[in-house]
Amino acid sequence: MSRTTTEPTTYRVDGPVDDEELTLLHERAFRASGHGFTPWSKRLQRHSISWVTAHQGSRLVGFVNLIGDGGAHAVLLDTVVAPDVQRQGIGRDLVTRAIAEARSLGCTWLHVDYEAQVADFYERVCGFGSTAAGLIHL
């Protein structure tokens, strides 16, 4: 269920990330408990070209990650918005900022993969085109 908040949402590119807070956000949004603590800060510093966070006050309510190949291609990963503030445009704004950041870093292609239940969000709301892609579970 979404709720309306009077607290403005602020966005930050490459801002500090609290590992515990981001782990809990992912667990709540994806209903995936038991995966344990994720060392997000270390992972982002090592593998990401950028990331965007969304806060309402001091509360982390959204996150998206960008990884890249060092050239033309970037990949959008880990898009997440707290369940109680979904459908307020936060996800769209996170992705829009990530797109701008990828462009500013010289990327000319931004890839994202997603499950069928969020296709409308990525395609209609964020402007991604559907493509054929391959995936293997390791």
N, C-alpha and C. Protein backbone atom coordinates (compact mmCIF):
# COMPACT_ATOMS: atom_id res chain seq x y z
N MET A 1 0.84 -1.17 0.00
CA MET A 1 0.00 0.00 0.00
C MET A 1 0.89 1.24 0.00
N SER A 2 0.57 2.19 -0.83
CA SER A 2 1.36 3.42 -0.85
C SER A 2 0.75 4.44 0.09
N ARG A 3 1.56 5.38 0.48
CA ARG A 3 1.06 6.46 1.33
C ARG A 3 1.61 7.76 0.80
N THR A 4 0.89 8.80 1.04
CA THR A 4 1.35 10.12 0.64
C THR A 4 2.16 10.69 1.79
N THR A 5 3.26 11.30 1.46
CA THR A 5 4.11 11.87 2.49
C THR A 5 4.26 13.37 2.24
N THR A 6 4.41 14.10 3.29
CA THR A 6 4.65 15.54 3.15
C THR A 6 6.14 15.82 3.13
N GLU A 7 6.93 14.82 3.44
CA GLU A 7 8.39 14.94 3.45
C GLU A 7 8.87 14.94 2.00
N PRO A 8 9.62 15.97 1.56
CA PRO A 8 10.11 15.97 0.18
C PRO A 8 11.15 14.88 -0.03
N THR A 9 11.20 14.38 -1.25
CA THR A 9 12.20 13.37 -1.59
C THR A 9 13.41 14.08 -2.17
N THR A 10 14.58 13.77 -1.64
CA THR A 10 15.82 14.34 -2.15
C THR A 10 16.64 13.20 -2.76
N TYR A 11 17.38 13.53 -3.81
CA TYR A 11 18.16 12.55 -4.55
C TYR A 11 19.62 12.93 -4.50
N ARG A 12 20.46 11.92 -4.47
CA ARG A 12 21.89 12.17 -4.42
C ARG A 12 22.61 11.17 -5.31
N VAL A 13 23.50 11.66 -6.14
CA VAL A 13 24.32 10.82 -7.00
C VAL A 13 25.62 10.52 -6.28
N ASP A 14 25.96 9.25 -6.19
CA ASP A 14 27.22 8.78 -5.58
C ASP A 14 27.38 9.20 -4.12
N GLY A 15 26.28 9.36 -3.42
CA GLY A 15 26.34 9.72 -2.02
C GLY A 15 26.70 8.53 -1.14
N PRO A 16 26.98 8.79 0.12
CA PRO A 16 27.31 7.69 1.03
C PRO A 16 26.12 6.74 1.19
N VAL A 17 26.43 5.48 1.38
CA VAL A 17 25.41 4.46 1.54
C VAL A 17 25.66 3.72 2.84
N ASP A 18 24.61 3.57 3.62
CA ASP A 18 24.67 2.78 4.84
C ASP A 18 24.32 1.34 4.47
N ASP A 19 25.28 0.45 4.60
CA ASP A 19 25.10 -0.94 4.17
C ASP A 19 23.89 -1.61 4.80
N GLU A 20 23.72 -1.42 6.08
CA GLU A 20 22.60 -2.05 6.79
C GLU A 20 21.26 -1.50 6.31
N GLU A 21 21.19 -0.19 6.15
CA GLU A 21 19.95 0.46 5.71
C GLU A 21 19.57 0.01 4.29
N LEU A 22 20.55 -0.07 3.39
CA LEU A 22 20.26 -0.48 2.02
C LEU A 22 19.91 -1.97 1.95
N THR A 23 20.54 -2.79 2.76
CA THR A 23 20.19 -4.21 2.83
C THR A 23 18.74 -4.37 3.28
N LEU A 24 18.35 -3.63 4.31
CA LEU A 24 16.97 -3.71 4.81
C LEU A 24 15.96 -3.20 3.79
N LEU A 25 16.31 -2.15 3.06
CA LEU A 25 15.42 -1.63 2.02
C LEU A 25 15.16 -2.71 0.97
N HIS A 26 16.21 -3.38 0.53
CA HIS A 26 16.06 -4.46 -0.45
C HIS A 26 15.22 -5.60 0.11
N GLU A 27 15.45 -5.97 1.34
CA GLU A 27 14.67 -7.06 1.95
C GLU A 27 13.19 -6.71 2.02
N ARG A 28 12.87 -5.48 2.42
CA ARG A 28 11.47 -5.06 2.50
C ARG A 28 10.82 -5.01 1.12
N ALA A 29 11.50 -4.40 0.17
CA ALA A 29 10.91 -4.21 -1.15
C ALA A 29 10.75 -5.52 -1.92
N PHE A 30 11.70 -6.42 -1.77
CA PHE A 30 11.65 -7.66 -2.53
C PHE A 30 11.18 -8.84 -1.69
N ARG A 31 10.80 -8.56 -0.45
CA ARG A 31 10.34 -9.61 0.47
C ARG A 31 11.30 -10.78 0.48
N ALA A 32 12.58 -10.45 0.58
CA ALA A 32 13.63 -11.46 0.52
C ALA A 32 14.48 -11.39 1.78
N SER A 33 14.00 -11.97 2.84
CA SER A 33 14.79 -11.96 4.07
C SER A 33 15.67 -13.20 4.10
N GLY A 34 16.63 -13.16 4.98
CA GLY A 34 17.49 -14.31 5.16
C GLY A 34 18.71 -14.35 4.26
N HIS A 35 18.86 -13.36 3.38
CA HIS A 35 20.04 -13.34 2.53
C HIS A 35 21.25 -12.73 3.25
N GLY A 36 20.99 -12.13 4.37
CA GLY A 36 22.08 -11.59 5.17
C GLY A 36 22.54 -10.21 4.74
N PHE A 37 23.47 -9.74 5.47
CA PHE A 37 24.06 -8.42 5.27
C PHE A 37 24.78 -8.34 3.94
N THR A 38 24.62 -7.24 3.22
CA THR A 38 25.33 -7.01 1.97
C THR A 38 26.27 -5.82 2.16
N PRO A 39 27.55 -5.98 1.85
CA PRO A 39 28.50 -4.86 1.97
C PRO A 39 28.39 -3.90 0.79
N TRP A 40 27.27 -3.15 0.75
CA TRP A 40 26.97 -2.29 -0.40
C TRP A 40 28.07 -1.28 -0.69
N SER A 41 28.56 -0.59 0.33
CA SER A 41 29.54 0.48 0.09
C SER A 41 30.77 -0.06 -0.63
N LYS A 42 31.27 -1.16 -0.17
CA LYS A 42 32.46 -1.77 -0.79
C LYS A 42 32.14 -2.23 -2.21
N ARG A 43 30.98 -2.83 -2.39
CA ARG A 43 30.56 -3.32 -3.71
C ARG A 43 30.42 -2.15 -4.68
N LEU A 44 29.78 -1.06 -4.25
CA LEU A 44 29.58 0.09 -5.12
C LEU A 44 30.92 0.72 -5.53
N GLN A 45 31.80 0.90 -4.56
CA GLN A 45 33.10 1.50 -4.86
C GLN A 45 33.90 0.65 -5.84
N ARG A 46 33.76 -0.66 -5.75
CA ARG A 46 34.55 -1.56 -6.59
C ARG A 46 33.97 -1.75 -7.98
N HIS A 47 32.63 -1.82 -8.10
CA HIS A 47 32.04 -2.26 -9.36
C HIS A 47 31.17 -1.22 -10.07
N SER A 48 30.75 -0.19 -9.42
CA SER A 48 29.78 0.73 -10.00
C SER A 48 30.45 1.94 -10.65
N ILE A 49 29.77 2.46 -11.67
CA ILE A 49 30.22 3.74 -12.23
C ILE A 49 29.46 4.88 -11.57
N SER A 50 28.31 4.57 -10.98
CA SER A 50 27.52 5.56 -10.27
C SER A 50 26.34 4.87 -9.60
N TRP A 51 25.67 5.60 -8.72
CA TRP A 51 24.43 5.15 -8.10
C TRP A 51 23.66 6.37 -7.64
N VAL A 52 22.37 6.18 -7.45
CA VAL A 52 21.52 7.28 -7.03
C VAL A 52 20.70 6.81 -5.84
N THR A 53 20.62 7.65 -4.82
CA THR A 53 19.80 7.34 -3.65
C THR A 53 18.66 8.35 -3.55
N ALA A 54 17.58 7.93 -2.92
CA ALA A 54 16.44 8.80 -2.64
C ALA A 54 16.17 8.75 -1.14
N HIS A 55 16.04 9.91 -0.54
CA HIS A 55 15.76 10.01 0.89
C HIS A 55 14.54 10.89 1.14
N GLN A 56 13.80 10.55 2.16
CA GLN A 56 12.77 11.43 2.70
C GLN A 56 13.20 11.69 4.13
N GLY A 57 13.65 12.90 4.36
CA GLY A 57 14.31 13.20 5.63
C GLY A 57 15.59 12.39 5.68
N SER A 58 15.81 11.69 6.78
CA SER A 58 17.00 10.87 6.91
C SER A 58 16.77 9.43 6.46
N ARG A 59 15.56 9.12 6.04
CA ARG A 59 15.18 7.75 5.68
C ARG A 59 15.49 7.45 4.21
N LEU A 60 16.24 6.39 3.97
CA LEU A 60 16.49 5.91 2.61
C LEU A 60 15.22 5.27 2.07
N VAL A 61 14.68 5.80 0.97
CA VAL A 61 13.45 5.25 0.39
C VAL A 61 13.65 4.70 -1.02
N GLY A 62 14.83 4.92 -1.62
CA GLY A 62 15.05 4.40 -2.96
C GLY A 62 16.51 4.37 -3.33
N PHE A 63 16.80 3.53 -4.32
CA PHE A 63 18.18 3.32 -4.74
C PHE A 63 18.19 2.74 -6.15
N VAL A 64 19.19 3.11 -6.94
CA VAL A 64 19.46 2.46 -8.21
C VAL A 64 20.98 2.50 -8.45
N ASN A 65 21.48 1.48 -9.09
CA ASN A 65 22.91 1.29 -9.29
C ASN A 65 23.23 1.24 -10.78
N LEU A 66 24.37 1.78 -11.17
CA LEU A 66 24.86 1.72 -12.55
C LEU A 66 26.22 1.06 -12.57
N ILE A 67 26.36 0.04 -13.40
CA ILE A 67 27.68 -0.53 -13.65
C ILE A 67 27.98 -0.30 -15.12
N GLY A 68 29.25 -0.36 -15.49
CA GLY A 68 29.60 -0.08 -16.87
C GLY A 68 30.73 -0.94 -17.38
N ASP A 69 30.93 -0.88 -18.69
CA ASP A 69 32.00 -1.65 -19.32
C ASP A 69 33.24 -0.79 -19.57
N GLY A 70 33.22 0.45 -19.11
CA GLY A 70 34.35 1.34 -19.34
C GLY A 70 34.27 2.05 -20.69
N GLY A 71 33.17 1.83 -21.39
CA GLY A 71 33.00 2.44 -22.70
C GLY A 71 31.57 2.89 -22.91
N ALA A 72 30.95 2.39 -23.96
CA ALA A 72 29.64 2.86 -24.38
C ALA A 72 28.48 2.28 -23.59
N HIS A 73 28.69 1.17 -22.89
CA HIS A 73 27.58 0.46 -22.27
C HIS A 73 27.56 0.59 -20.75
N ALA A 74 26.35 0.80 -20.25
CA ALA A 74 26.11 0.79 -18.80
C ALA A 74 24.89 -0.10 -18.56
N VAL A 75 24.79 -0.60 -17.34
CA VAL A 75 23.68 -1.49 -16.96
C VAL A 75 23.06 -0.95 -15.69
N LEU A 76 21.74 -0.86 -15.70
CA LEU A 76 20.97 -0.43 -14.54
C LEU A 76 20.66 -1.65 -13.68
N LEU A 77 20.98 -1.57 -12.40
CA LEU A 77 20.77 -2.69 -11.47
C LEU A 77 20.14 -2.21 -10.17
N ASP A 78 19.52 -3.15 -9.48
CA ASP A 78 19.09 -2.96 -8.09
C ASP A 78 18.12 -1.81 -7.87
N THR A 79 17.29 -1.49 -8.86
CA THR A 79 16.31 -0.43 -8.66
C THR A 79 15.33 -0.85 -7.57
N VAL A 80 15.20 -0.02 -6.54
CA VAL A 80 14.34 -0.39 -5.41
C VAL A 80 13.75 0.86 -4.79
N VAL A 81 12.47 0.76 -4.42
CA VAL A 81 11.76 1.83 -3.70
C VAL A 81 11.03 1.17 -2.55
N ALA A 82 11.07 1.82 -1.39
CA ALA A 82 10.38 1.29 -0.21
C ALA A 82 8.91 1.05 -0.54
N PRO A 83 8.37 -0.09 -0.15
CA PRO A 83 6.98 -0.43 -0.51
C PRO A 83 5.95 0.64 -0.12
N ASP A 84 6.11 1.27 1.02
CA ASP A 84 5.10 2.23 1.48
C ASP A 84 5.13 3.57 0.74
N VAL A 85 6.13 3.79 -0.11
CA VAL A 85 6.17 5.04 -0.88
C VAL A 85 6.24 4.78 -2.39
N GLN A 86 5.92 3.57 -2.80
CA GLN A 86 5.89 3.27 -4.22
C GLN A 86 4.71 3.99 -4.88
N ARG A 87 4.79 4.13 -6.18
CA ARG A 87 3.76 4.78 -7.00
C ARG A 87 3.63 6.28 -6.71
N GLN A 88 4.75 6.88 -6.30
CA GLN A 88 4.80 8.32 -6.10
C GLN A 88 5.80 8.99 -7.03
N GLY A 89 6.36 8.22 -7.97
CA GLY A 89 7.32 8.77 -8.93
C GLY A 89 8.77 8.65 -8.50
N ILE A 90 9.03 8.06 -7.36
CA ILE A 90 10.41 7.96 -6.87
C ILE A 90 11.24 7.05 -7.77
N GLY A 91 10.70 5.90 -8.14
CA GLY A 91 11.42 4.99 -9.04
C GLY A 91 11.73 5.64 -10.37
N ARG A 92 10.73 6.30 -10.93
CA ARG A 92 10.92 7.03 -12.20
C ARG A 92 12.02 8.07 -12.07
N ASP A 93 11.99 8.83 -10.97
CA ASP A 93 13.00 9.87 -10.77
C ASP A 93 14.39 9.28 -10.56
N LEU A 94 14.49 8.16 -9.86
CA LEU A 94 15.78 7.48 -9.70
C LEU A 94 16.35 7.07 -11.05
N VAL A 95 15.51 6.43 -11.87
CA VAL A 95 15.96 5.96 -13.18
C VAL A 95 16.30 7.14 -14.09
N THR A 96 15.51 8.20 -14.06
CA THR A 96 15.79 9.38 -14.87
C THR A 96 17.15 9.97 -14.51
N ARG A 97 17.45 10.04 -13.23
CA ARG A 97 18.74 10.56 -12.80
C ARG A 97 19.88 9.62 -13.19
N ALA A 98 19.63 8.32 -13.11
CA ALA A 98 20.65 7.35 -13.51
C ALA A 98 20.92 7.45 -15.01
N ILE A 99 19.88 7.63 -15.81
CA ILE A 99 20.05 7.80 -17.25
C ILE A 99 20.92 9.04 -17.53
N ALA A 100 20.61 10.14 -16.88
CA ALA A 100 21.39 11.37 -17.08
C ALA A 100 22.84 11.17 -16.66
N GLU A 101 23.04 10.46 -15.56
CA GLU A 101 24.41 10.21 -15.08
C GLU A 101 25.17 9.34 -16.08
N ALA A 102 24.54 8.27 -16.58
CA ALA A 102 25.20 7.41 -17.56
C ALA A 102 25.58 8.21 -18.81
N ARG A 103 24.67 9.06 -19.25
CA ARG A 103 24.95 9.91 -20.41
C ARG A 103 26.13 10.85 -20.13
N SER A 104 26.15 11.45 -18.94
CA SER A 104 27.23 12.39 -18.61
C SER A 104 28.59 11.68 -18.49
N LEU A 105 28.56 10.39 -18.24
CA LEU A 105 29.80 9.60 -18.15
C LEU A 105 30.25 9.09 -19.51
N GLY A 106 29.53 9.44 -20.56
CA GLY A 106 29.92 9.07 -21.92
C GLY A 106 29.30 7.78 -22.43
N CYS A 107 28.40 7.19 -21.69
CA CYS A 107 27.75 5.96 -22.15
C CYS A 107 26.72 6.32 -23.22
N THR A 108 26.60 5.46 -24.22
CA THR A 108 25.61 5.69 -25.26
C THR A 108 24.51 4.64 -25.25
N TRP A 109 24.67 3.59 -24.47
CA TRP A 109 23.67 2.54 -24.32
C TRP A 109 23.48 2.23 -22.85
N LEU A 110 22.21 2.15 -22.44
CA LEU A 110 21.89 1.77 -21.06
C LEU A 110 20.99 0.54 -21.11
N HIS A 111 21.48 -0.52 -20.55
CA HIS A 111 20.77 -1.80 -20.54
C HIS A 111 20.06 -1.99 -19.20
N VAL A 112 18.93 -2.69 -19.22
CA VAL A 112 18.26 -3.10 -17.99
C VAL A 112 17.52 -4.39 -18.29
N ASP A 113 17.55 -5.31 -17.35
CA ASP A 113 16.67 -6.46 -17.49
C ASP A 113 15.68 -6.42 -16.35
N TYR A 114 14.51 -6.99 -16.59
CA TYR A 114 13.43 -6.88 -15.61
C TYR A 114 12.45 -8.02 -15.81
N GLU A 115 11.70 -8.27 -14.77
CA GLU A 115 10.68 -9.30 -14.81
C GLU A 115 9.39 -8.73 -15.41
N ALA A 116 8.54 -9.61 -15.91
CA ALA A 116 7.33 -9.20 -16.62
C ALA A 116 6.45 -8.24 -15.82
N GLN A 117 6.36 -8.42 -14.50
CA GLN A 117 5.45 -7.59 -13.70
C GLN A 117 5.91 -6.13 -13.60
N VAL A 118 7.13 -5.82 -13.98
CA VAL A 118 7.58 -4.43 -13.95
C VAL A 118 7.91 -3.89 -15.35
N ALA A 119 7.52 -4.63 -16.39
CA ALA A 119 7.79 -4.20 -17.76
C ALA A 119 7.16 -2.84 -18.05
N ASP A 120 5.92 -2.63 -17.60
CA ASP A 120 5.25 -1.35 -17.83
C ASP A 120 6.05 -0.20 -17.24
N PHE A 121 6.59 -0.37 -16.05
CA PHE A 121 7.40 0.67 -15.41
C PHE A 121 8.60 1.03 -16.29
N TYR A 122 9.38 0.03 -16.69
CA TYR A 122 10.59 0.31 -17.46
C TYR A 122 10.28 0.78 -18.88
N GLU A 123 9.28 0.21 -19.51
CA GLU A 123 9.01 0.55 -20.90
C GLU A 123 8.15 1.80 -21.05
N ARG A 124 7.01 1.86 -20.37
CA ARG A 124 6.11 3.02 -20.55
C ARG A 124 6.55 4.21 -19.71
N VAL A 125 6.89 3.98 -18.45
CA VAL A 125 7.22 5.07 -17.54
C VAL A 125 8.63 5.61 -17.78
N CYS A 126 9.59 4.71 -17.99
CA CYS A 126 10.99 5.14 -18.10
C CYS A 126 11.52 5.22 -19.53
N GLY A 127 10.78 4.67 -20.51
CA GLY A 127 11.17 4.82 -21.90
C GLY A 127 12.10 3.78 -22.47
N PHE A 128 12.34 2.68 -21.78
CA PHE A 128 13.19 1.62 -22.31
C PHE A 128 12.43 0.85 -23.38
N GLY A 129 13.16 0.36 -24.38
CA GLY A 129 12.58 -0.51 -25.38
C GLY A 129 12.81 -1.96 -24.98
N SER A 130 11.92 -2.81 -25.39
CA SER A 130 12.06 -4.23 -25.12
C SER A 130 13.03 -4.85 -26.12
N THR A 131 13.91 -5.70 -25.65
CA THR A 131 14.87 -6.38 -26.51
C THR A 131 14.95 -7.85 -26.16
N ALA A 132 15.48 -8.63 -27.07
CA ALA A 132 15.77 -10.03 -26.76
C ALA A 132 17.11 -10.06 -26.03
N ALA A 133 17.21 -10.87 -25.03
CA ALA A 133 18.46 -10.98 -24.29
C ALA A 133 18.61 -12.42 -23.81
N GLY A 134 19.80 -12.75 -23.43
CA GLY A 134 20.06 -14.09 -22.90
C GLY A 134 20.48 -14.01 -21.45
N LEU A 135 20.23 -15.08 -20.73
CA LEU A 135 20.55 -15.14 -19.31
C LEU A 135 20.82 -16.58 -18.94
N ILE A 136 21.82 -16.79 -18.12
CA ILE A 136 22.10 -18.12 -17.60
C ILE A 136 22.30 -18.02 -16.09
N HIS A 137 21.68 -18.90 -15.35
CA HIS A 137 21.83 -18.93 -13.90
C HIS A 137 23.08 -19.72 -13.56
N LEU A 138 23.99 -19.12 -12.83
CA LEU A 138 25.25 -19.78 -12.49
C LEU A 138 25.22 -20.38 -11.11
